[in-house]
Amino acid sequence: MGIRSYTWLLLSLSALSLVSLTSCKEELKKEIATPHHWYDSIHSFSIALQNQHYEQINDVSSDLIIIDADDSNLTHEQIQRIKGSGKKIYSYLSIGEAENYRSYWKKSWKRKHPPFLDKENPEWKGNFKVRYWDKEWQDIIFKRLQELVDLGYDGVYLDIIDAFEYYEQKGRKEAAQEMVDFVSLISKHAKQANPDFKIIPQNGLGLLDNPKYLSHIDGVGKEETWYSFDNRPVPNDTNAWDVGLLNKAYAAGKMVLLIDYPTDHQKQCEFIAKAKEKGFIPYVGNRSLNKFIDVKCK
């Protein structure tokens, strides 16, 4: 090989190395600029808690489906078939109120309330406030949680987290911390049985400032962030407070699920656009959450 050919070869190899190095740097920049989350495969979700059975649930095209296991009564085999198409499926679970139509409810409670059972919710007949820090109530929830894990659900959507606010108003100063401790125990119980099981509490955003709480949840749900069910915009100061806390959860790698209830199509699409702009996952629901809704926007 001549000197000129050898020199040309060295220059060519140097150029290729430089291109390769530059390419690697660009890929690294992309990796840093686009953090990976456990929920990267979830771009949409749907929720319906009443009158939903296997056929309707299986037809939903969303990446994540939230149902009420007691309402739908899906078998382990049916859940596996739904998951086989790449979907995730979570069950609703109320931990801040007891409901008299649940399997855990005992007829004797009507005559004599157990220590954990409090007053009936005047807005929801058959729903009773519970002293959620009580061990007997927590054991009921842990038992139901294990049943959901065994059935094959991918996670739970916890409701009535904001029960702590009710008891704070009653003068119980430790109510917020007791809810943090309860949700943390729920997370520990579930993940001992299935490390991939997800815990998504709804509302009660004030708890997101608690490091223990934030470390034990996988995401957060929120209702009425931009619009109320009567199409009224949420007040700016309330929206700013909510979004600020949701941003904190998102920055910590938590999935943020939003449910708003506008019936006006323009407002529905505005809500969807605003939520997606923040990196949140939106769903427009009807107030009763008794059917799946698919809103199409341009």
C-alpha atoms as a PDB file:
ATOM      1  CA  MET A   1       0.000   0.000   0.000  1.00  0.00           C
ATOM      2  CA  GLY A   2       1.366   3.451  -0.952  1.00  0.00           C
ATOM      3  CA  ILE A   3       1.799   6.337   1.488  1.00  0.00           C
ATOM      4  CA  ARG A   4      -1.073   8.270  -0.134  1.00  0.00           C
ATOM      5  CA  SER A   5      -3.418   5.281   0.115  1.00  0.00           C
ATOM      6  CA  TYR A   6      -2.426   4.646   3.709  1.00  0.00           C
ATOM      7  CA  THR A   7      -2.934   8.303   4.643  1.00  0.00           C
ATOM      8  CA  TRP A   8      -6.334   8.302   2.923  1.00  0.00           C
ATOM      9  CA  LEU A   9      -7.317   5.192   4.875  1.00  0.00           C
ATOM     10  CA  LEU A  10      -6.353   6.776   8.199  1.00  0.00           C
ATOM     11  CA  LEU A  11      -8.310   9.934   7.391  1.00  0.00           C
ATOM     12  CA  SER A  12     -11.347   7.870   6.408  1.00  0.00           C
ATOM     13  CA  LEU A  13     -11.236   5.855   9.619  1.00  0.00           C
ATOM     14  CA  SER A  14     -10.887   9.050  11.682  1.00  0.00           C
ATOM     15  CA  ALA A  15     -13.886  10.569   9.929  1.00  0.00           C
ATOM     16  CA  LEU A  16     -15.978   7.445  10.555  1.00  0.00           C
ATOM     17  CA  SER A  17     -14.991   7.454  14.230  1.00  0.00           C
ATOM     18  CA  LEU A  18     -15.979  11.120  14.523  1.00  0.00           C
ATOM     19  CA  VAL A  19     -19.354  10.494  12.889  1.00  0.00           C
ATOM     20  CA  SER A  20     -19.942   7.492  15.156  1.00  0.00           C
ATOM     21  CA  LEU A  21     -18.969   9.477  18.267  1.00  0.00           C
ATOM     22  CA  THR A  22     -21.223  12.376  17.259  1.00  0.00           C
ATOM     23  CA  SER A  23     -24.101   9.961  16.661  1.00  0.00           C
ATOM     24  CA  CYS A  24     -23.614   8.394  20.094  1.00  0.00           C
ATOM     25  CA  LYS A  25     -23.608  11.827  21.727  1.00  0.00           C
ATOM     26  CA  GLU A  26     -26.867  12.736  19.965  1.00  0.00           C
ATOM     27  CA  GLU A  27     -28.503   9.503  21.103  1.00  0.00           C
ATOM     28  CA  LEU A  28     -27.314  10.143  24.663  1.00  0.00           C
ATOM     29  CA  LYS A  29     -28.813  13.636  24.551  1.00  0.00           C
ATOM     30  CA  LYS A  30     -32.143  12.156  23.452  1.00  0.00           C
ATOM     31  CA  GLU A  31     -32.040   9.637  26.302  1.00  0.00           C
ATOM     32  CA  ILE A  32     -31.405  12.408  28.824  1.00  0.00           C
ATOM     33  CA  ALA A  33     -34.035  14.718  27.324  1.00  0.00           C
ATOM     34  CA  THR A  34     -36.690  11.971  27.222  1.00  0.00           C
ATOM     35  CA  PRO A  35     -36.847  10.201  30.603  1.00  0.00           C
ATOM     36  CA  HIS A  36     -38.370   6.720  30.672  1.00  0.00           C
ATOM     37  CA  HIS A  37     -41.286   5.980  32.985  1.00  0.00           C
ATOM     38  CA  TRP A  38     -42.883   2.688  33.959  1.00  0.00           C
ATOM     39  CA  TYR A  39     -46.070   3.859  32.212  1.00  0.00           C
ATOM     40  CA  ASP A  40     -44.513   4.810  28.854  1.00  0.00           C
ATOM     41  CA  SER A  41     -46.760   2.272  27.093  1.00  0.00           C
ATOM     42  CA  ILE A  42     -49.921   3.873  28.547  1.00  0.00           C
ATOM     43  CA  HIS A  43     -51.155   6.763  26.406  1.00  0.00           C
ATOM     44  CA  SER A  44     -54.882   6.547  27.120  1.00  0.00           C
ATOM     45  CA  PHE A  45     -57.240   5.262  29.787  1.00  0.00           C
ATOM     46  CA  SER A  46     -60.958   4.662  30.247  1.00  0.00           C
ATOM     47  CA  ILE A  47     -62.985   4.255  33.418  1.00  0.00           C
ATOM     48  CA  ALA A  48     -66.515   2.952  34.032  1.00  0.00           C
ATOM     49  CA  LEU A  49     -67.644   1.619  37.392  1.00  0.00           C
ATOM     50  CA  GLN A  50     -71.214   0.469  36.730  1.00  0.00           C
ATOM     51  CA  ASN A  51     -72.997  -1.922  34.369  1.00  0.00           C
ATOM     52  CA  GLN A  52     -69.809  -3.095  32.657  1.00  0.00           C
ATOM     53  CA  HIS A  53     -69.239  -6.724  31.758  1.00  0.00           C
ATOM     54  CA  TYR A  54     -66.610  -8.679  29.908  1.00  0.00           C
ATOM     55  CA  GLU A  55     -67.807  -7.953  26.363  1.00  0.00           C
ATOM     56  CA  GLN A  56     -67.962  -4.172  26.861  1.00  0.00           C
ATOM     57  CA  ILE A  57     -64.656  -4.071  28.721  1.00  0.00           C
ATOM     58  CA  ASN A  58     -62.855  -6.187  26.146  1.00  0.00           C
ATOM     59  CA  ASP A  59     -64.032  -3.850  23.362  1.00  0.00           C
ATOM     60  CA  VAL A  60     -62.378  -0.786  24.950  1.00  0.00           C
ATOM     61  CA  SER A  61     -59.341   0.298  22.947  1.00  0.00           C
ATOM     62  CA  SER A  62     -57.589   2.318  25.678  1.00  0.00           C
ATOM     63  CA  ASP A  63     -54.213   1.184  26.993  1.00  0.00           C
ATOM     64  CA  LEU A  64     -55.512   1.207  30.584  1.00  0.00           C
ATOM     65  CA  ILE A  65     -59.010   0.253  31.727  1.00  0.00           C
ATOM     66  CA  ILE A  66     -60.349   0.957  35.229  1.00  0.00           C
ATOM     67  CA  ILE A  67     -63.444  -0.917  36.381  1.00  0.00           C
ATOM     68  CA  ASP A  68     -65.110  -1.987  39.621  1.00  0.00           C
ATOM     69  CA  ALA A  69     -64.257  -5.642  40.156  1.00  0.00           C
ATOM     70  CA  ASP A  70     -67.396  -6.169  42.250  1.00  0.00           C
ATOM     71  CA  ASP A  71     -69.573  -4.775  39.460  1.00  0.00           C
ATOM     72  CA  SER A  72     -67.958  -6.583  36.544  1.00  0.00           C
ATOM     73  CA  ASN A  73     -67.212  -9.908  38.273  1.00  0.00           C
ATOM     74  CA  LEU A  74     -64.499 -10.797  35.775  1.00  0.00           C
ATOM     75  CA  THR A  75     -62.872 -14.182  36.152  1.00  0.00           C
ATOM     76  CA  HIS A  76     -59.120 -14.706  36.194  1.00  0.00           C
ATOM     77  CA  GLU A  77     -59.336 -16.153  32.683  1.00  0.00           C
ATOM     78  CA  GLN A  78     -61.283 -13.148  31.350  1.00  0.00           C
ATOM     79  CA  ILE A  79     -58.780 -10.739  32.890  1.00  0.00           C
ATOM     80  CA  GLN A  80     -55.918 -12.631  31.274  1.00  0.00           C
ATOM     81  CA  ARG A  81     -57.620 -12.458  27.870  1.00  0.00           C
ATOM     82  CA  ILE A  82     -58.024  -8.683  28.202  1.00  0.00           C
ATOM     83  CA  LYS A  83     -54.390  -8.321  29.248  1.00  0.00           C
ATOM     84  CA  GLY A  84     -53.328 -10.573  26.396  1.00  0.00           C
ATOM     85  CA  SER A  85     -54.139  -7.780  23.947  1.00  0.00           C
ATOM     86  CA  GLY A  86     -51.592  -5.522  25.665  1.00  0.00           C
ATOM     87  CA  LYS A  87     -54.038  -3.629  27.885  1.00  0.00           C
ATOM     88  CA  LYS A  88     -53.655  -2.986  31.595  1.00  0.00           C
ATOM     89  CA  ILE A  89     -56.655  -3.390  33.898  1.00  0.00           C
ATOM     90  CA  TYR A  90     -57.094  -1.859  37.369  1.00  0.00           C
ATOM     91  CA  SER A  91     -59.922  -2.167  39.867  1.00  0.00           C
ATOM     92  CA  TYR A  92     -61.575   0.624  41.809  1.00  0.00           C
ATOM     93  CA  LEU A  93     -61.264   0.277  45.591  1.00  0.00           C
ATOM     94  CA  SER A  94     -62.744   2.706  48.111  1.00  0.00           C
ATOM     95  CA  ILE A  95     -60.676   2.867  51.296  1.00  0.00           C
ATOM     96  CA  GLY A  96     -62.216   5.941  52.957  1.00  0.00           C
ATOM     97  CA  GLU A  97     -65.821   4.755  52.999  1.00  0.00           C
ATOM     98  CA  ALA A  98     -67.585   1.424  53.506  1.00  0.00           C
ATOM     99  CA  GLU A  99     -70.355   0.514  51.064  1.00  0.00           C
ATOM    100  CA  ASN A 100     -73.296  -1.652  52.105  1.00  0.00           C
ATOM    101  CA  TYR A 101     -73.402  -3.485  48.762  1.00  0.00           C
ATOM    102  CA  ARG A 102     -69.868  -4.885  49.070  1.00  0.00           C
ATOM    103  CA  SER A 103     -69.101  -8.503  49.861  1.00  0.00           C
ATOM    104  CA  TYR A 104     -67.432  -7.522  53.148  1.00  0.00           C
ATOM    105  CA  TRP A 105     -70.612  -5.836  54.464  1.00  0.00           C
ATOM    106  CA  LYS A 106     -72.346  -7.654  57.327  1.00  0.00           C
ATOM    107  CA  LYS A 107     -76.062  -7.296  58.021  1.00  0.00           C
ATOM    108  CA  SER A 108     -75.327  -7.043  61.740  1.00  0.00           C
ATOM    109  CA  TRP A 109     -73.561  -3.731  61.134  1.00  0.00           C
ATOM    110  CA  LYS A 110     -76.938  -2.075  60.576  1.00  0.00           C
ATOM    111  CA  ARG A 111     -78.038  -2.926  64.120  1.00  0.00           C
ATOM    112  CA  LYS A 112     -74.670  -2.246  65.724  1.00  0.00           C
ATOM    113  CA  HIS A 113     -71.886  -0.386  63.989  1.00  0.00           C
ATOM    114  CA  PRO A 114     -68.389  -1.842  64.400  1.00  0.00           C
ATOM    115  CA  PRO A 115     -65.937   0.663  65.923  1.00  0.00           C
ATOM    116  CA  PHE A 116     -64.544   1.711  62.529  1.00  0.00           C
ATOM    117  CA  LEU A 117     -67.940   2.500  60.950  1.00  0.00           C
ATOM    118  CA  ASP A 118     -68.990   6.159  61.081  1.00  0.00           C
ATOM    119  CA  LYS A 119     -71.934   8.179  59.737  1.00  0.00           C
ATOM    120  CA  GLU A 120     -73.650   7.552  56.406  1.00  0.00           C
ATOM    121  CA  ASN A 121     -72.642   9.914  53.604  1.00  0.00           C
ATOM    122  CA  PRO A 122     -75.772  12.036  52.975  1.00  0.00           C
ATOM    123  CA  GLU A 123     -74.809  12.481  49.312  1.00  0.00           C
ATOM    124  CA  TRP A 124     -74.295   8.755  48.643  1.00  0.00           C
ATOM    125  CA  LYS A 125     -76.871   6.481  50.235  1.00  0.00           C
ATOM    126  CA  GLY A 126     -75.358   3.241  51.468  1.00  0.00           C
ATOM    127  CA  ASN A 127     -71.865   4.725  51.797  1.00  0.00           C
ATOM    128  CA  PHE A 128     -70.500   5.200  55.297  1.00  0.00           C
ATOM    129  CA  LYS A 129     -67.487   7.132  56.520  1.00  0.00           C
ATOM    130  CA  VAL A 130     -64.897   4.897  58.149  1.00  0.00           C
ATOM    131  CA  ARG A 131     -62.207   5.443  60.739  1.00  0.00           C
ATOM    132  CA  TYR A 132     -59.630   4.209  58.270  1.00  0.00           C
ATOM    133  CA  TRP A 133     -56.843   4.028  60.852  1.00  0.00           C
ATOM    134  CA  ASP A 134     -58.738   1.223  62.626  1.00  0.00           C
ATOM    135  CA  LYS A 135     -57.012  -2.173  62.247  1.00  0.00           C
ATOM    136  CA  GLU A 136     -60.261  -4.056  61.616  1.00  0.00           C
ATOM    137  CA  TRP A 137     -61.087  -1.840  58.630  1.00  0.00           C
ATOM    138  CA  GLN A 138     -57.540  -2.024  57.305  1.00  0.00           C
ATOM    139  CA  ASP A 139     -57.626  -5.821  57.489  1.00  0.00           C
ATOM    140  CA  ILE A 140     -60.833  -5.800  55.414  1.00  0.00           C
ATOM    141  CA  ILE A 141     -59.090  -3.725  52.748  1.00  0.00           C
ATOM    142  CA  PHE A 142     -55.941  -5.883  52.805  1.00  0.00           C
ATOM    143  CA  LYS A 143     -58.087  -9.003  52.290  1.00  0.00           C
ATOM    144  CA  ARG A 144     -59.884  -7.449  49.312  1.00  0.00           C
ATOM    145  CA  LEU A 145     -56.577  -6.213  47.923  1.00  0.00           C
ATOM    146  CA  GLN A 146     -55.140  -9.728  47.967  1.00  0.00           C
ATOM    147  CA  GLU A 147     -58.228 -11.019  46.155  1.00  0.00           C
ATOM    148  CA  LEU A 148     -57.682  -8.447  43.391  1.00  0.00           C
ATOM    149  CA  VAL A 149     -54.010  -9.404  43.080  1.00  0.00           C
ATOM    150  CA  ASP A 150     -54.947 -13.091  42.861  1.00  0.00           C
ATOM    151  CA  LEU A 151     -57.543 -12.381  40.158  1.00  0.00           C
ATOM    152  CA  GLY A 152     -54.802 -10.872  38.014  1.00  0.00           C
ATOM    153  CA  TYR A 153     -55.554  -7.160  38.141  1.00  0.00           C
ATOM    154  CA  ASP A 154     -52.582  -4.917  37.359  1.00  0.00           C
ATOM    155  CA  GLY A 155     -53.369  -2.321  40.016  1.00  0.00           C
ATOM    156  CA  VAL A 156     -55.942  -0.505  42.118  1.00  0.00           C
ATOM    157  CA  TYR A 157     -57.509   2.920  41.785  1.00  0.00           C
ATOM    158  CA  LEU A 158     -57.999   4.016  45.393  1.00  0.00           C
ATOM    159  CA  ASP A 159     -60.908   6.317  46.200  1.00  0.00           C
ATOM    160  CA  ILE A 160     -61.959   8.530  49.126  1.00  0.00           C
ATOM    161  CA  ILE A 161     -58.363   9.332  49.955  1.00  0.00           C
ATOM    162  CA  ASP A 162     -59.618  12.780  50.937  1.00  0.00           C
ATOM    163  CA  ALA A 163     -61.469  11.247  53.908  1.00  0.00           C
ATOM    164  CA  PHE A 164     -58.603  12.648  55.959  1.00  0.00           C
ATOM    165  CA  GLU A 165     -59.984  16.142  55.296  1.00  0.00           C
ATOM    166  CA  TYR A 166     -63.321  15.147  56.858  1.00  0.00           C
ATOM    167  CA  TYR A 167     -61.617  13.969  60.035  1.00  0.00           C
ATOM    168  CA  GLU A 168     -59.282  16.949  60.167  1.00  0.00           C
ATOM    169  CA  GLN A 169     -62.377  19.144  60.238  1.00  0.00           C
ATOM    170  CA  LYS A 170     -63.611  17.000  63.129  1.00  0.00           C
ATOM    171  CA  GLY A 171     -60.429  17.893  65.025  1.00  0.00           C
ATOM    172  CA  ARG A 172     -58.286  14.811  64.374  1.00  0.00           C
ATOM    173  CA  LYS A 173     -54.884  16.408  63.826  1.00  0.00           C
ATOM    174  CA  GLU A 174     -53.148  13.192  62.781  1.00  0.00           C
ATOM    175  CA  ALA A 175     -55.753  12.306  60.115  1.00  0.00           C
ATOM    176  CA  ALA A 176     -53.535  13.160  57.118  1.00  0.00           C
ATOM    177  CA  GLN A 177     -50.562  11.165  58.401  1.00  0.00           C
ATOM    178  CA  GLU A 178     -52.846   8.234  59.179  1.00  0.00           C
ATOM    179  CA  MET A 179     -54.026   8.200  55.562  1.00  0.00           C
ATOM    180  CA  VAL A 180     -50.405   8.353  54.387  1.00  0.00           C
ATOM    181  CA  ASP A 181     -49.590   5.389  56.630  1.00  0.00           C
ATOM    182  CA  PHE A 182     -52.632   3.439  55.399  1.00  0.00           C
ATOM    183  CA  VAL A 183     -51.855   3.945  51.701  1.00  0.00           C
ATOM    184  CA  SER A 184     -48.220   3.027  52.362  1.00  0.00           C
ATOM    185  CA  LEU A 185     -49.320  -0.236  53.999  1.00  0.00           C
ATOM    186  CA  ILE A 186     -51.638  -0.969  51.061  1.00  0.00           C
ATOM    187  CA  SER A 187     -48.701  -0.487  48.712  1.00  0.00           C
ATOM    188  CA  LYS A 188     -46.436  -2.749  50.773  1.00  0.00           C
ATOM    189  CA  HIS A 189     -49.048  -5.515  50.999  1.00  0.00           C
ATOM    190  CA  ALA A 190     -49.759  -5.423  47.262  1.00  0.00           C
ATOM    191  CA  LYS A 191     -46.138  -5.323  46.142  1.00  0.00           C
ATOM    192  CA  GLN A 192     -45.158  -8.171  48.449  1.00  0.00           C
ATOM    193  CA  ALA A 193     -47.644 -10.288  46.505  1.00  0.00           C
ATOM    194  CA  ASN A 194     -46.831  -8.774  43.094  1.00  0.00           C
ATOM    195  CA  PRO A 195     -43.951  -6.276  42.777  1.00  0.00           C
ATOM    196  CA  ASP A 196     -45.446  -4.924  39.525  1.00  0.00           C
ATOM    197  CA  PHE A 197     -48.859  -4.165  41.061  1.00  0.00           C
ATOM    198  CA  LYS A 198     -49.658  -0.441  40.828  1.00  0.00           C
ATOM    199  CA  ILE A 199     -51.191   1.864  43.442  1.00  0.00           C
ATOM    200  CA  ILE A 200     -53.053   4.909  42.085  1.00  0.00           C
ATOM    201  CA  PRO A 201     -54.904   7.044  44.668  1.00  0.00           C
ATOM    202  CA  GLN A 202     -57.512   9.545  43.494  1.00  0.00           C
ATOM    203  CA  ASN A 203     -57.804  13.128  44.816  1.00  0.00           C
ATOM    204  CA  GLY A 204     -56.438  14.147  48.225  1.00  0.00           C
ATOM    205  CA  LEU A 205     -53.619  15.970  46.428  1.00  0.00           C
ATOM    206  CA  GLY A 206     -52.363  17.660  49.588  1.00  0.00           C
ATOM    207  CA  LEU A 207     -50.740  14.363  50.571  1.00  0.00           C
ATOM    208  CA  LEU A 208     -48.352  14.643  47.612  1.00  0.00           C
ATOM    209  CA  ASP A 209     -46.214  16.966  49.731  1.00  0.00           C
ATOM    210  CA  ASN A 210     -45.496  14.019  52.030  1.00  0.00           C
ATOM    211  CA  PRO A 211     -42.319  12.160  50.891  1.00  0.00           C
ATOM    212  CA  LYS A 212     -43.484   8.844  52.383  1.00  0.00           C
ATOM    213  CA  TYR A 213     -46.763   9.017  50.487  1.00  0.00           C
ATOM    214  CA  LEU A 214     -45.097   9.958  47.217  1.00  0.00           C
ATOM    215  CA  SER A 215     -42.620   7.097  47.513  1.00  0.00           C
ATOM    216  CA  HIS A 216     -45.337   4.466  47.985  1.00  0.00           C
ATOM    217  CA  ILE A 217     -47.649   5.368  45.099  1.00  0.00           C
ATOM    218  CA  ASP A 218     -47.175   4.761  41.379  1.00  0.00           C
ATOM    219  CA  GLY A 219     -49.419   7.538  40.152  1.00  0.00           C
ATOM    220  CA  VAL A 220     -52.294   9.798  41.066  1.00  0.00           C
ATOM    221  CA  GLY A 221     -55.808  10.398  39.791  1.00  0.00           C
ATOM    222  CA  LYS A 222     -57.688  13.678  39.916  1.00  0.00           C
ATOM    223  CA  GLU A 223     -61.236  14.718  39.086  1.00  0.00           C
ATOM    224  CA  GLU A 224     -62.375  18.125  37.822  1.00  0.00           C
ATOM    225  CA  THR A 225     -59.015  19.738  37.182  1.00  0.00           C
ATOM    226  CA  TRP A 226     -60.179  22.120  34.449  1.00  0.00           C
ATOM    227  CA  TYR A 227     -63.951  21.635  34.186  1.00  0.00           C
ATOM    228  CA  SER A 228     -66.757  20.675  36.561  1.00  0.00           C
ATOM    229  CA  PHE A 229     -69.571  18.353  35.495  1.00  0.00           C
ATOM    230  CA  ASP A 230     -71.800  21.339  34.642  1.00  0.00           C
ATOM    231  CA  ASN A 231     -69.240  22.697  32.126  1.00  0.00           C
ATOM    232  CA  ARG A 232     -68.115  25.431  34.516  1.00  0.00           C
ATOM    233  CA  PRO A 233     -64.364  26.116  34.466  1.00  0.00           C
ATOM    234  CA  VAL A 234     -62.580  25.315  37.711  1.00  0.00           C
ATOM    235  CA  PRO A 235     -61.494  28.612  39.383  1.00  0.00           C
ATOM    236  CA  ASN A 236     -57.993  29.666  38.327  1.00  0.00           C
ATOM    237  CA  ASP A 237     -56.537  29.564  41.840  1.00  0.00           C
ATOM    238  CA  THR A 238     -57.885  26.058  42.466  1.00  0.00           C
ATOM    239  CA  ASN A 239     -56.645  24.856  39.090  1.00  0.00           C
ATOM    240  CA  ALA A 240     -53.199  26.366  39.678  1.00  0.00           C
ATOM    241  CA  TRP A 241     -52.909  24.656  43.084  1.00  0.00           C
ATOM    242  CA  ASP A 242     -54.017  21.296  41.672  1.00  0.00           C
ATOM    243  CA  VAL A 243     -51.773  21.464  38.605  1.00  0.00           C
ATOM    244  CA  GLY A 244     -48.809  22.502  40.748  1.00  0.00           C
ATOM    245  CA  LEU A 245     -49.131  19.362  42.867  1.00  0.00           C
ATOM    246  CA  LEU A 246     -49.801  17.175  39.834  1.00  0.00           C
ATOM    247  CA  ASN A 247     -46.651  18.574  38.222  1.00  0.00           C
ATOM    248  CA  LYS A 248     -44.757  17.549  41.351  1.00  0.00           C
ATOM    249  CA  ALA A 249     -46.057  13.990  41.039  1.00  0.00           C
ATOM    250  CA  TYR A 250     -45.251  13.905  37.321  1.00  0.00           C
ATOM    251  CA  ALA A 251     -41.707  15.165  37.964  1.00  0.00           C
ATOM    252  CA  ALA A 252     -41.287  12.333  40.484  1.00  0.00           C
ATOM    253  CA  GLY A 253     -42.080   9.792  37.752  1.00  0.00           C
ATOM    254  CA  LYS A 254     -45.698   9.193  38.733  1.00  0.00           C
ATOM    255  CA  MET A 255     -48.456   8.583  36.186  1.00  0.00           C
ATOM    256  CA  VAL A 256     -51.117  11.321  36.312  1.00  0.00           C
ATOM    257  CA  LEU A 257     -54.672  10.328  35.330  1.00  0.00           C
ATOM    258  CA  LEU A 258     -57.282  13.070  35.004  1.00  0.00           C
ATOM    259  CA  ILE A 259     -61.067  12.734  34.795  1.00  0.00           C
ATOM    260  CA  ASP A 260     -63.140  15.793  33.918  1.00  0.00           C
ATOM    261  CA  TYR A 261     -66.884  15.769  33.228  1.00  0.00           C
ATOM    262  CA  PRO A 262     -67.733  18.482  30.665  1.00  0.00           C
ATOM    263  CA  THR A 263     -70.575  17.679  28.263  1.00  0.00           C
ATOM    264  CA  ASP A 264     -69.755  20.469  25.806  1.00  0.00           C
ATOM    265  CA  HIS A 265     -67.577  19.028  23.018  1.00  0.00           C
ATOM    266  CA  GLN A 266     -65.346  22.089  22.711  1.00  0.00           C
ATOM    267  CA  LYS A 267     -64.647  22.042  26.443  1.00  0.00           C
ATOM    268  CA  GLN A 268     -64.002  18.299  26.302  1.00  0.00           C
ATOM    269  CA  CYS A 269     -61.339  18.816  23.652  1.00  0.00           C
ATOM    270  CA  GLU A 270     -59.851  21.812  25.493  1.00  0.00           C
ATOM    271  CA  PHE A 271     -59.487  19.682  28.617  1.00  0.00           C
ATOM    272  CA  ILE A 272     -57.846  16.850  26.676  1.00  0.00           C
ATOM    273  CA  ALA A 273     -55.392  19.239  24.992  1.00  0.00           C
ATOM    274  CA  LYS A 274     -54.456  21.007  28.248  1.00  0.00           C
ATOM    275  CA  ALA A 275     -53.879  17.733  30.076  1.00  0.00           C
ATOM    276  CA  LYS A 276     -51.738  16.223  27.322  1.00  0.00           C
ATOM    277  CA  GLU A 277     -49.658  19.402  27.130  1.00  0.00           C
ATOM    278  CA  LYS A 278     -48.659  18.774  30.761  1.00  0.00           C
ATOM    279  CA  GLY A 279     -47.823  15.127  30.138  1.00  0.00           C
ATOM    280  CA  PHE A 280     -50.978  13.948  31.928  1.00  0.00           C
ATOM    281  CA  ILE A 281     -53.379  11.276  30.632  1.00  0.00           C
ATOM    282  CA  PRO A 282     -56.962  12.608  30.300  1.00  0.00           C
ATOM    283  CA  TYR A 283     -60.388  10.987  30.203  1.00  0.00           C
ATOM    284  CA  VAL A 284     -63.772  12.647  29.702  1.00  0.00           C
ATOM    285  CA  GLY A 285     -66.388  10.808  31.735  1.00  0.00           C
ATOM    286  CA  ASN A 286     -70.093  11.055  32.382  1.00  0.00           C
ATOM    287  CA  ARG A 287     -70.914  11.925  35.964  1.00  0.00           C
ATOM    288  CA  SER A 288     -72.192   8.450  36.876  1.00  0.00           C
ATOM    289  CA  LEU A 289     -69.220   6.684  35.280  1.00  0.00           C
ATOM    290  CA  ASN A 290     -71.655   4.023  34.092  1.00  0.00           C
ATOM    291  CA  LYS A 291     -70.394   3.768  30.515  1.00  0.00           C
ATOM    292  CA  PHE A 292     -67.193   4.165  28.549  1.00  0.00           C
ATOM    293  CA  ILE A 293     -66.934   7.383  26.533  1.00  0.00           C
ATOM    294  CA  ASP A 294     -64.673   7.954  23.541  1.00  0.00           C
ATOM    295  CA  VAL A 295     -64.326  11.651  22.672  1.00  0.00           C
ATOM    296  CA  LYS A 296     -62.922  12.438  19.229  1.00  0.00           C
ATOM    297  CA  CYS A 297     -61.046  15.728  18.785  1.00  0.00           C
ATOM    298  CA  LYS A 298     -59.359  17.181  15.707  1.00  0.00           C
END
